[in-house]
Amino acid sequence: MAQALLSIQISPKVNGGEDVIPYVDRAISIIKESGVTYRVGPMETTMEGDLDTLIDIVKRMNDAMFEMGSPQVLSHIKLAINKAGEASIARQLKKYPDGQ
């Protein structure tokens, strides 16, 4: 399968007054545990890898939100696929090493 970049912002519905941060932390921990290259940003997290692997991670993230008690989850996804295998976080950020 082609190399891909997948950015995700996961938005679980929570009970009134409940903090969403533990849900987001759990979602990011699933990415970390997967072993793929990733970068956490202020509004979304970007992962790099085989498309099927990345989609499986998204499924696990959503399942975890339900397991934590969320009745509904919105996963906002951006996807870039490069058949030549050149899709990478490092390549995309090469011009901006300090994030500026």
C-alpha atoms as a PDB file:
ATOM      1  CA  MET A   1       0.000   0.000   0.000  1.00  0.00           C
ATOM      2  CA  ALA A   2       1.085   3.586  -0.571  1.00  0.00           C
ATOM      3  CA  GLN A   3       2.801   5.688   2.053  1.00  0.00           C
ATOM      4  CA  ALA A   4       0.375   8.150   3.644  1.00  0.00           C
ATOM      5  CA  LEU A   5       0.063  11.054   6.028  1.00  0.00           C
ATOM      6  CA  LEU A   6      -3.116  11.098   8.075  1.00  0.00           C
ATOM      7  CA  SER A   7      -4.007  14.008  10.329  1.00  0.00           C
ATOM      8  CA  ILE A   8      -6.784  13.521  12.833  1.00  0.00           C
ATOM      9  CA  GLN A   9      -8.676  15.700  15.245  1.00  0.00           C
ATOM     10  CA  ILE A  10     -10.844  13.457  17.376  1.00  0.00           C
ATOM     11  CA  SER A  11     -13.884  15.035  19.023  1.00  0.00           C
ATOM     12  CA  PRO A  12     -15.664  12.712  21.436  1.00  0.00           C
ATOM     13  CA  LYS A  13     -18.991  13.803  22.879  1.00  0.00           C
ATOM     14  CA  VAL A  14     -18.717  13.928  26.660  1.00  0.00           C
ATOM     15  CA  ASN A  15     -21.196  14.360  29.491  1.00  0.00           C
ATOM     16  CA  GLY A  16     -21.917  17.918  30.611  1.00  0.00           C
ATOM     17  CA  GLY A  17     -19.023  19.304  32.617  1.00  0.00           C
ATOM     18  CA  GLU A  18     -16.746  16.352  31.818  1.00  0.00           C
ATOM     19  CA  ASP A  19     -13.259  17.215  30.598  1.00  0.00           C
ATOM     20  CA  VAL A  20     -12.423  16.038  27.072  1.00  0.00           C
ATOM     21  CA  ILE A  21      -8.649  16.057  27.685  1.00  0.00           C
ATOM     22  CA  PRO A  22      -8.450  12.497  29.124  1.00  0.00           C
ATOM     23  CA  TYR A  23     -10.168  11.265  25.960  1.00  0.00           C
ATOM     24  CA  VAL A  24      -7.709  13.095  23.725  1.00  0.00           C
ATOM     25  CA  ASP A  25      -4.784  11.844  25.822  1.00  0.00           C
ATOM     26  CA  ARG A  26      -6.040   8.273  25.381  1.00  0.00           C
ATOM     27  CA  ALA A  27      -6.368   8.738  21.616  1.00  0.00           C
ATOM     28  CA  ILE A  28      -2.796  10.038  21.400  1.00  0.00           C
ATOM     29  CA  SER A  29      -1.545   7.148  23.540  1.00  0.00           C
ATOM     30  CA  ILE A  30      -3.029   4.722  20.991  1.00  0.00           C
ATOM     31  CA  ILE A  31      -1.032   6.426  18.259  1.00  0.00           C
ATOM     32  CA  LYS A  32       2.123   6.312  20.382  1.00  0.00           C
ATOM     33  CA  GLU A  33       1.630   2.616  21.206  1.00  0.00           C
ATOM     34  CA  SER A  34       1.220   1.804  17.499  1.00  0.00           C
ATOM     35  CA  GLY A  35       4.842   2.655  16.756  1.00  0.00           C
ATOM     36  CA  VAL A  36       4.113   4.850  13.714  1.00  0.00           C
ATOM     37  CA  THR A  37       5.871   8.162  13.260  1.00  0.00           C
ATOM     38  CA  TYR A  38       3.603  10.958  14.494  1.00  0.00           C
ATOM     39  CA  ARG A  39       3.570  14.604  15.472  1.00  0.00           C
ATOM     40  CA  VAL A  40       1.127  16.149  17.929  1.00  0.00           C
ATOM     41  CA  GLY A  41      -0.034  19.641  17.043  1.00  0.00           C
ATOM     42  CA  PRO A  42      -2.284  22.083  18.877  1.00  0.00           C
ATOM     43  CA  MET A  43      -5.359  21.195  16.797  1.00  0.00           C
ATOM     44  CA  GLU A  44      -4.611  17.749  15.313  1.00  0.00           C
ATOM     45  CA  THR A  45      -2.118  14.917  15.293  1.00  0.00           C
ATOM     46  CA  THR A  46      -0.414  13.734  12.106  1.00  0.00           C
ATOM     47  CA  MET A  47       0.674  10.142  11.581  1.00  0.00           C
ATOM     48  CA  GLU A  48       2.878   8.676   8.871  1.00  0.00           C
ATOM     49  CA  GLY A  49       2.766   5.137   7.516  1.00  0.00           C
ATOM     50  CA  ASP A  50       0.953   2.551   5.481  1.00  0.00           C
ATOM     51  CA  LEU A  51      -2.642   3.677   4.805  1.00  0.00           C
ATOM     52  CA  ASP A  52      -4.229   0.456   6.090  1.00  0.00           C
ATOM     53  CA  THR A  53      -2.227   0.724   9.314  1.00  0.00           C
ATOM     54  CA  LEU A  54      -3.246   4.344   9.825  1.00  0.00           C
ATOM     55  CA  ILE A  55      -6.937   3.579   9.233  1.00  0.00           C
ATOM     56  CA  ASP A  56      -6.702   0.740  11.765  1.00  0.00           C
ATOM     57  CA  ILE A  57      -5.270   3.185  14.321  1.00  0.00           C
ATOM     58  CA  VAL A  58      -8.206   5.551  13.707  1.00  0.00           C
ATOM     59  CA  LYS A  59     -10.613   2.666  14.318  1.00  0.00           C
ATOM     60  CA  ARG A  60      -8.857   1.811  17.601  1.00  0.00           C
ATOM     61  CA  MET A  61      -8.967   5.466  18.657  1.00  0.00           C
ATOM     62  CA  ASN A  62     -12.723   5.641  18.059  1.00  0.00           C
ATOM     63  CA  ASP A  63     -13.305   2.323  19.856  1.00  0.00           C
ATOM     64  CA  ALA A  64     -11.384   3.659  22.861  1.00  0.00           C
ATOM     65  CA  MET A  65     -13.608   6.753  23.015  1.00  0.00           C
ATOM     66  CA  PHE A  66     -16.679   4.518  23.215  1.00  0.00           C
ATOM     67  CA  GLU A  67     -15.010   2.345  25.846  1.00  0.00           C
ATOM     68  CA  MET A  68     -14.407   5.495  27.932  1.00  0.00           C
ATOM     69  CA  GLY A  69     -18.109   6.313  27.802  1.00  0.00           C
ATOM     70  CA  SER A  70     -18.493   8.669  24.855  1.00  0.00           C
ATOM     71  CA  PRO A  71     -21.797   8.025  23.049  1.00  0.00           C
ATOM     72  CA  GLN A  72     -20.627   9.723  19.840  1.00  0.00           C
ATOM     73  CA  VAL A  73     -17.293  10.536  18.215  1.00  0.00           C
ATOM     74  CA  LEU A  74     -16.420  12.820  15.339  1.00  0.00           C
ATOM     75  CA  SER A  75     -13.075  12.117  13.685  1.00  0.00           C
ATOM     76  CA  HIS A  76     -11.950  14.933  11.429  1.00  0.00           C
ATOM     77  CA  ILE A  77      -9.382  13.441   9.044  1.00  0.00           C
ATOM     78  CA  LYS A  78      -7.042  14.836   6.409  1.00  0.00           C
ATOM     79  CA  LEU A  79      -5.289  12.317   4.203  1.00  0.00           C
ATOM     80  CA  ALA A  80      -2.334  12.630   1.839  1.00  0.00           C
ATOM     81  CA  ILE A  81      -1.210   9.560  -0.097  1.00  0.00           C
ATOM     82  CA  ASN A  82       1.923   9.272  -2.173  1.00  0.00           C
ATOM     83  CA  LYS A  83       2.312   6.134  -4.261  1.00  0.00           C
ATOM     84  CA  ALA A  84       6.022   6.849  -4.707  1.00  0.00           C
ATOM     85  CA  GLY A  85       6.491   6.495  -0.939  1.00  0.00           C
ATOM     86  CA  GLU A  86       7.474  10.104  -0.438  1.00  0.00           C
ATOM     87  CA  ALA A  87       4.741  11.129   1.998  1.00  0.00           C
ATOM     88  CA  SER A  88       6.483  11.949   5.249  1.00  0.00           C
ATOM     89  CA  ILE A  89       6.222  14.423   8.084  1.00  0.00           C
ATOM     90  CA  ALA A  90       9.921  15.275   7.786  1.00  0.00           C
ATOM     91  CA  ARG A  91       9.594  15.977   4.071  1.00  0.00           C
ATOM     92  CA  GLN A  92       6.564  18.227   4.606  1.00  0.00           C
ATOM     93  CA  LEU A  93       8.305  20.199   7.365  1.00  0.00           C
ATOM     94  CA  LYS A  94      11.756  20.361   5.765  1.00  0.00           C
ATOM     95  CA  LYS A  95      11.381  24.090   5.011  1.00  0.00           C
ATOM     96  CA  TYR A  96      10.169  24.804   8.555  1.00  0.00           C
ATOM     97  CA  PRO A  97      12.558  23.059  10.967  1.00  0.00           C
ATOM     98  CA  ASP A  98      11.727  25.373  13.879  1.00  0.00           C
ATOM     99  CA  GLY A  99       7.984  25.415  13.223  1.00  0.00           C
ATOM    100  CA  GLN A 100       8.001  29.022  12.056  1.00  0.00           C
END
